[in-house]
């Protein structure tokens, strides 16, 4: 029998987990199927853009910190 939780749309944390897993290429088939079946594409696009921006700003900050500490 199917689990009743499988028919619910993904929660915010499940969507965020899916976006992060997909960004690093380790998304499971079960989660991907859930996302395509019950998720709204707009939510994943928005989360993907936000994740990419935060990731890029984090890398930028790390590089600036390393350059500052190196005295460059």
PDB file of N, CA and C in Angstrom:
ATOM      1  N   UNK A   1       0.823  -1.188   0.000  1.00  0.00           N
ATOM      2  CA  UNK A   1       0.000   0.000   0.000  1.00  0.00           C
ATOM      3  C   UNK A   1       0.863   1.246   0.000  1.00  0.00           C
ATOM      4  N   UNK A   2       0.310   2.291  -0.578  1.00  0.00           N
ATOM      5  CA  UNK A   2       1.043   3.551  -0.659  1.00  0.00           C
ATOM      6  C   UNK A   2       0.949   4.288   0.671  1.00  0.00           C
ATOM      7  N   UNK A   3       2.009   4.945   1.008  1.00  0.00           N
ATOM      8  CA  UNK A   3       2.049   5.738   2.226  1.00  0.00           C
ATOM      9  C   UNK A   3       1.257   7.022   2.004  1.00  0.00           C
ATOM     10  N   UNK A   4       0.327   7.396   2.919  1.00  0.00           N
ATOM     11  CA  UNK A   4      -0.449   8.628   2.726  1.00  0.00           C
ATOM     12  C   UNK A   4       0.425   9.875   2.662  1.00  0.00           C
ATOM     13  N   UNK A   5       1.601   9.830   3.281  1.00  0.00           N
ATOM     14  CA  UNK A   5       2.504  10.985   3.241  1.00  0.00           C
ATOM     15  C   UNK A   5       3.047  11.217   1.840  1.00  0.00           C
ATOM     16  N   UNK A   6       3.012  10.179   0.984  1.00  0.00           N
ATOM     17  CA  UNK A   6       3.520  10.327  -0.378  1.00  0.00           C
ATOM     18  C   UNK A   6       2.617  11.198  -1.242  1.00  0.00           C
ATOM     19  N   UNK A   7       1.367  11.389  -0.843  1.00  0.00           N
ATOM     20  CA  UNK A   7       0.428  12.175  -1.639  1.00  0.00           C
ATOM     21  C   UNK A   7       0.411  13.643  -1.253  1.00  0.00           C
ATOM     22  N   UNK A   8       1.187  14.032  -0.251  1.00  0.00           N
ATOM     23  CA  UNK A   8       1.251  15.427   0.181  1.00  0.00           C
ATOM     24  C   UNK A   8       2.314  16.164  -0.625  1.00  0.00           C
ATOM     25  N   UNK A   9       2.115  17.464  -0.830  1.00  0.00           N
ATOM     26  CA  UNK A   9       3.190  18.240  -1.464  1.00  0.00           C
ATOM     27  C   UNK A   9       4.388  18.325  -0.524  1.00  0.00           C
ATOM     28  N   UNK A  10       5.583  18.479  -1.074  1.00  0.00           N
ATOM     29  CA  UNK A  10       6.774  18.538  -0.220  1.00  0.00           C
ATOM     30  C   UNK A  10       6.771  19.783   0.663  1.00  0.00           C
ATOM     31  N   UNK A  11       7.307  19.637   1.866  1.00  0.00           N
ATOM     32  CA  UNK A  11       7.427  20.770   2.778  1.00  0.00           C
ATOM     33  C   UNK A  11       8.574  21.671   2.321  1.00  0.00           C
ATOM     34  N   UNK A  12       8.687  22.826   2.958  1.00  0.00           N
ATOM     35  CA  UNK A  12       9.766  23.758   2.625  1.00  0.00           C
ATOM     36  C   UNK A  12      11.125  23.082   2.794  1.00  0.00           C
ATOM     37  N   UNK A  13      11.307  22.363   3.908  1.00  0.00           N
ATOM     38  CA  UNK A  13      12.601  21.734   4.184  1.00  0.00           C
ATOM     39  C   UNK A  13      12.891  20.617   3.192  1.00  0.00           C
ATOM     40  N   UNK A  14      11.861  19.884   2.772  1.00  0.00           N
ATOM     41  CA  UNK A  14      12.060  18.843   1.763  1.00  0.00           C
ATOM     42  C   UNK A  14      12.452  19.464   0.425  1.00  0.00           C
ATOM     43  N   UNK A  15      11.826  20.597   0.081  1.00  0.00           N
ATOM     44  CA  UNK A  15      12.182  21.276  -1.170  1.00  0.00           C
ATOM     45  C   UNK A  15      13.603  21.814  -1.101  1.00  0.00           C
ATOM     46  N   UNK A  16      13.970  22.406   0.039  1.00  0.00           N
ATOM     47  CA  UNK A  16      15.328  22.928   0.199  1.00  0.00           C
ATOM     48  C   UNK A  16      16.347  21.792   0.111  1.00  0.00           C
ATOM     49  N   UNK A  17      16.054  20.676   0.734  1.00  0.00           N
ATOM     50  CA  UNK A  17      16.930  19.502   0.654  1.00  0.00           C
ATOM     51  C   UNK A  17      17.053  19.030  -0.787  1.00  0.00           C
ATOM     52  N   UNK A  18      15.955  19.012  -1.516  1.00  0.00           N
ATOM     53  CA  UNK A  18      15.974  18.585  -2.918  1.00  0.00           C
ATOM     54  C   UNK A  18      16.813  19.524  -3.774  1.00  0.00           C
ATOM     55  N   UNK A  19      16.686  20.826  -3.535  1.00  0.00           N
ATOM     56  CA  UNK A  19      17.452  21.808  -4.304  1.00  0.00           C
ATOM     57  C   UNK A  19      18.942  21.643  -4.025  1.00  0.00           C
ATOM     58  N   UNK A  20      19.303  21.480  -2.754  1.00  0.00           N
ATOM     59  CA  UNK A  20      20.721  21.322  -2.415  1.00  0.00           C
ATOM     60  C   UNK A  20      21.267  20.008  -2.960  1.00  0.00           C
ATOM     61  N   UNK A  21      20.503  18.940  -2.862  1.00  0.00           N
ATOM     62  CA  UNK A  21      20.952  17.649  -3.383  1.00  0.00           C
ATOM     63  C   UNK A  21      21.106  17.703  -4.899  1.00  0.00           C
ATOM     64  N   UNK A  22      20.168  18.339  -5.568  1.00  0.00           N
ATOM     65  CA  UNK A  22      20.249  18.451  -7.026  1.00  0.00           C
ATOM     66  C   UNK A  22      21.434  19.318  -7.442  1.00  0.00           C
ATOM     67  N   UNK A  23      21.726  20.363  -6.668  1.00  0.00           N
ATOM     68  CA  UNK A  23      22.847  21.241  -6.998  1.00  0.00           C
ATOM     69  C   UNK A  23      24.171  20.483  -6.955  1.00  0.00           C
ATOM     70  N   UNK A  24      24.278  19.534  -6.049  1.00  0.00           N
ATOM     71  CA  UNK A  24      25.512  18.766  -5.928  1.00  0.00           C
ATOM     72  C   UNK A  24      25.445  17.435  -6.663  1.00  0.00           C
ATOM     73  N   UNK A  25      24.319  17.161  -7.331  1.00  0.00           N
ATOM     74  CA  UNK A  25      24.194  15.971  -8.168  1.00  0.00           C
ATOM     75  C   UNK A  25      23.974  14.676  -7.420  1.00  0.00           C
ATOM     76  N   UNK A  26      23.379  14.734  -6.242  1.00  0.00           N
ATOM     77  CA  UNK A  26      23.165  13.519  -5.459  1.00  0.00           C
ATOM     78  C   UNK A  26      21.691  13.304  -5.120  1.00  0.00           C
ATOM     79  N   UNK A  27      20.797  13.830  -5.922  1.00  0.00           N
ATOM     80  CA  UNK A  27      19.358  13.699  -5.688  1.00  0.00           C
ATOM     81  C   UNK A  27      18.924  12.245  -5.871  1.00  0.00           C
ATOM     82  N   UNK A  28      18.166  11.717  -4.928  1.00  0.00           N
ATOM     83  CA  UNK A  28      17.695  10.330  -5.034  1.00  0.00           C
ATOM     84  C   UNK A  28      16.500  10.251  -5.985  1.00  0.00           C
ATOM     85  N   UNK A  29      16.321   9.097  -6.573  1.00  0.00           N
ATOM     86  CA  UNK A  29      15.217   8.900  -7.505  1.00  0.00           C
ATOM     87  C   UNK A  29      13.865   9.053  -6.836  1.00  0.00           C
ATOM     88  N   UNK A  30      13.757   8.593  -5.590  1.00  0.00           N
ATOM     89  CA  UNK A  30      12.488   8.696  -4.855  1.00  0.00           C
ATOM     90  C   UNK A  30      12.113  10.160  -4.622  1.00  0.00           C
ATOM     91  N   UNK A  31      13.080  10.956  -4.172  1.00  0.00           N
ATOM     92  CA  UNK A  31      12.804  12.376  -3.932  1.00  0.00           C
ATOM     93  C   UNK A  31      12.528  13.114  -5.232  1.00  0.00           C
ATOM     94  N   UNK A  32      13.256  12.778  -6.279  1.00  0.00           N
ATOM     95  CA  UNK A  32      13.029  13.425  -7.570  1.00  0.00           C
ATOM     96  C   UNK A  32      11.623  13.119  -8.081  1.00  0.00           C
ATOM     97  N   UNK A  33      11.193  11.869  -7.940  1.00  0.00           N
ATOM     98  CA  UNK A  33       9.841  11.490  -8.364  1.00  0.00           C
ATOM     99  C   UNK A  33       8.791  12.236  -7.543  1.00  0.00           C
ATOM    100  N   UNK A  34       9.013  12.373  -6.230  1.00  0.00           N
ATOM    101  CA  UNK A  34       8.087  13.122  -5.380  1.00  0.00           C
ATOM    102  C   UNK A  34       8.014  14.583  -5.818  1.00  0.00           C
ATOM    103  N   UNK A  35       9.174  15.164  -6.114  1.00  0.00           N
ATOM    104  CA  UNK A  35       9.207  16.569  -6.511  1.00  0.00           C
ATOM    105  C   UNK A  35       8.467  16.795  -7.820  1.00  0.00           C
ATOM    106  N   UNK A  36       8.678  15.914  -8.801  1.00  0.00           N
ATOM    107  CA  UNK A  36       8.012  16.078 -10.090  1.00  0.00           C
ATOM    108  C   UNK A  36       6.519  15.801  -9.988  1.00  0.00           C
ATOM    109  N   UNK A  37       6.122  14.927  -9.078  1.00  0.00           N
ATOM    110  CA  UNK A  37       4.715  14.564  -8.956  1.00  0.00           C
ATOM    111  C   UNK A  37       3.925  15.600  -8.164  1.00  0.00           C
ATOM    112  N   UNK A  38       4.481  16.070  -7.044  1.00  0.00           N
ATOM    113  CA  UNK A  38       3.712  16.911  -6.134  1.00  0.00           C
ATOM    114  C   UNK A  38       4.242  18.333  -5.976  1.00  0.00           C
ATOM    115  N   UNK A  39       5.450  18.606  -6.422  1.00  0.00           N
ATOM    116  CA  UNK A  39       6.028  19.931  -6.219  1.00  0.00           C
ATOM    117  C   UNK A  39       5.614  20.916  -7.292  1.00  0.00           C
ATOM    118  N   UNK A  40       5.678  22.200  -6.943  1.00  0.00           N
ATOM    119  CA  UNK A  40       5.401  23.259  -7.913  1.00  0.00           C
ATOM    120  C   UNK A  40       6.734  23.746  -8.476  1.00  0.00           C
ATOM    121  N   UNK A  41       6.867  23.788  -9.799  1.00  0.00           N
ATOM    122  CA  UNK A  41       8.141  24.201 -10.397  1.00  0.00           C
ATOM    123  C   UNK A  41       8.600  25.581  -9.936  1.00  0.00           C
ATOM    124  N   UNK A  42       7.671  26.504  -9.761  1.00  0.00           N
ATOM    125  CA  UNK A  42       8.053  27.865  -9.368  1.00  0.00           C
ATOM    126  C   UNK A  42       8.756  27.873  -8.015  1.00  0.00           C
ATOM    127  N   UNK A  43       8.323  27.026  -7.091  1.00  0.00           N
ATOM    128  CA  UNK A  43       8.970  26.973  -5.781  1.00  0.00           C
ATOM    129  C   UNK A  43      10.416  26.495  -5.900  1.00  0.00           C
ATOM    130  N   UNK A  44      10.632  25.490  -6.746  1.00  0.00           N
ATOM    131  CA  UNK A  44      11.988  24.963  -6.915  1.00  0.00           C
ATOM    132  C   UNK A  44      12.884  25.963  -7.648  1.00  0.00           C
ATOM    133  N   UNK A  45      12.326  26.692  -8.609  1.00  0.00           N
ATOM    134  CA  UNK A  45      13.108  27.705  -9.330  1.00  0.00           C
ATOM    135  C   UNK A  45      13.533  28.807  -8.371  1.00  0.00           C
ATOM    136  N   UNK A  46      12.598  29.293  -7.563  1.00  0.00           N
ATOM    137  CA  UNK A  46      12.915  30.361  -6.607  1.00  0.00           C
ATOM    138  C   UNK A  46      13.957  29.885  -5.597  1.00  0.00           C
ATOM    139  N   UNK A  47      13.757  28.689  -5.038  1.00  0.00           N
ATOM    140  CA  UNK A  47      14.739  28.153  -4.088  1.00  0.00           C
ATOM    141  C   UNK A  47      16.092  27.923  -4.749  1.00  0.00           C
ATOM    142  N   UNK A  48      16.088  27.476  -5.995  1.00  0.00           N
ATOM    143  CA  UNK A  48      17.340  27.260  -6.717  1.00  0.00           C
ATOM    144  C   UNK A  48      18.108  28.551  -6.931  1.00  0.00           C
ATOM    145  N   UNK A  49      17.396  29.613  -7.296  1.00  0.00           N
ATOM    146  CA  UNK A  49      18.037  30.920  -7.486  1.00  0.00           C
ATOM    147  C   UNK A  49      18.585  31.436  -6.159  1.00  0.00           C
ATOM    148  N   UNK A  50      17.792  31.297  -5.095  1.00  0.00           N
ATOM    149  CA  UNK A  50      18.250  31.753  -3.783  1.00  0.00           C
ATOM    150  C   UNK A  50      19.463  30.950  -3.316  1.00  0.00           C
ATOM    151  N   UNK A  51      19.440  29.628  -3.503  1.00  0.00           N
ATOM    152  CA  UNK A  51      20.571  28.790  -3.110  1.00  0.00           C
ATOM    153  C   UNK A  51      21.822  29.184  -3.884  1.00  0.00           C
ATOM    154  N   UNK A  52      21.673  29.405  -5.188  1.00  0.00           N
ATOM    155  CA  UNK A  52      22.819  29.773  -6.017  1.00  0.00           C
ATOM    156  C   UNK A  52      23.404  31.108  -5.569  1.00  0.00           C
ATOM    157  N   UNK A  53      22.545  32.074  -5.257  1.00  0.00           N
ATOM    158  CA  UNK A  53      23.020  33.381  -4.800  1.00  0.00           C
ATOM    159  C   UNK A  53      23.766  33.261  -3.469  1.00  0.00           C
ATOM    160  N   UNK A  54      23.195  32.528  -2.528  1.00  0.00           N
ATOM    161  CA  UNK A  54      23.853  32.353  -1.226  1.00  0.00           C
ATOM    162  C   UNK A  54      25.172  31.602  -1.387  1.00  0.00           C
ATOM    163  N   UNK A  55      25.191  30.581  -2.226  1.00  0.00           N
ATOM    164  CA  UNK A  55      26.415  29.812  -2.467  1.00  0.00           C
ATOM    165  C   UNK A  55      27.497  30.703  -3.078  1.00  0.00           C
ATOM    166  N   UNK A  56      27.130  31.503  -4.082  1.00  0.00           N
ATOM    167  CA  UNK A  56      28.098  32.387  -4.735  1.00  0.00           C
ATOM    168  C   UNK A  56      28.611  33.445  -3.762  1.00  0.00           C
ATOM    169  N   UNK A  57      27.725  34.028  -2.960  1.00  0.00           N
ATOM    170  CA  UNK A  57      28.152  35.035  -1.988  1.00  0.00           C
ATOM    171  C   UNK A  57      29.048  34.423  -0.908  1.00  0.00           C
ATOM    172  N   UNK A  58      28.779  33.198  -0.528  1.00  0.00           N
ATOM    173  CA  UNK A  58      29.632  32.510   0.448  1.00  0.00           C
ATOM    174  C   UNK A  58      31.030  32.288  -0.121  1.00  0.00           C
ATOM    175  N   UNK A  59      31.099  31.817  -1.355  1.00  0.00           N
ATOM    176  CA  UNK A  59      32.410  31.637  -1.991  1.00  0.00           C
ATOM    177  C   UNK A  59      33.140  32.970  -2.128  1.00  0.00           C
ATOM    178  N   UNK A  60      32.426  34.006  -2.520  1.00  0.00           N
ATOM    179  CA  UNK A  60      33.018  35.338  -2.643  1.00  0.00           C
ATOM    180  C   UNK A  60      33.581  35.793  -1.295  1.00  0.00           C
ATOM    181  N   UNK A  61      32.815  35.594  -0.226  1.00  0.00           N
ATOM    182  CA  UNK A  61      33.264  35.979   1.108  1.00  0.00           C
ATOM    183  C   UNK A  61      34.488  35.202   1.553  1.00  0.00           C
ATOM    184  N   UNK A  62      34.526  33.917   1.256  1.00  0.00           N
ATOM    185  CA  UNK A  62      35.683  33.093   1.623  1.00  0.00           C
ATOM    186  C   UNK A  62      36.931  33.564   0.884  1.00  0.00           C
ATOM    187  N   UNK A  63      36.791  33.852  -0.404  1.00  0.00           N
ATOM    188  CA  UNK A  63      37.937  34.330  -1.191  1.00  0.00           C
ATOM    189  C   UNK A  63      38.423  35.670  -0.656  1.00  0.00           C
ATOM    190  N   UNK A  64      37.492  36.578  -0.355  1.00  0.00           N
ATOM    191  CA  UNK A  64      37.890  37.883   0.194  1.00  0.00           C
ATOM    192  C   UNK A  64      38.614  37.712   1.529  1.00  0.00           C
ATOM    193  N   UNK A  65      38.121  36.815   2.376  1.00  0.00           N
ATOM    194  CA  UNK A  65      38.750  36.573   3.669  1.00  0.00           C
ATOM    195  C   UNK A  65      40.153  35.999   3.503  1.00  0.00           C
ATOM    196  N   UNK A  66      40.308  35.048   2.616  1.00  0.00           N
ATOM    197  CA  UNK A  66      41.626  34.448   2.377  1.00  0.00           C
ATOM    198  C   UNK A  66      42.592  35.495   1.837  1.00  0.00           C
ATOM    199  N   UNK A  67      42.138  36.314   0.900  1.00  0.00           N
ATOM    200  CA  UNK A  67      43.009  37.360   0.359  1.00  0.00           C
ATOM    201  C   UNK A  67      43.375  38.386   1.422  1.00  0.00           C
ATOM    202  N   UNK A  68      42.438  38.718   2.294  1.00  0.00           N
ATOM    203  CA  UNK A  68      42.716  39.660   3.374  1.00  0.00           C
ATOM    204  C   UNK A  68      43.755  39.078   4.331  1.00  0.00           C
ATOM    205  N   UNK A  69      43.579  37.821   4.691  1.00  0.00           N
ATOM    206  CA  UNK A  69      44.526  37.183   5.610  1.00  0.00           C
ATOM    207  C   UNK A  69      45.890  36.953   4.969  1.00  0.00           C
ATOM    208  N   UNK A  70      45.923  36.809   3.642  1.00  0.00           N
ATOM    209  CA  UNK A  70      47.189  36.614   2.938  1.00  0.00           C
ATOM    210  C   UNK A  70      47.900  37.943   2.701  1.00  0.00           C
ATOM    211  N   UNK A  71      47.209  39.046   2.919  1.00  0.00           N
ATOM    212  CA  UNK A  71      47.817  40.356   2.738  1.00  0.00           C
ATOM    213  C   UNK A  71      47.879  40.806   1.300  1.00  0.00           C
ATOM    214  N   UNK A  72      47.037  40.271   0.464  1.00  0.00           N
ATOM    215  CA  UNK A  72      47.039  40.636  -0.958  1.00  0.00           C
ATOM    216  C   UNK A  72      46.107  41.790  -1.180  1.00  0.00           C
TER     217      UNK A  72
END
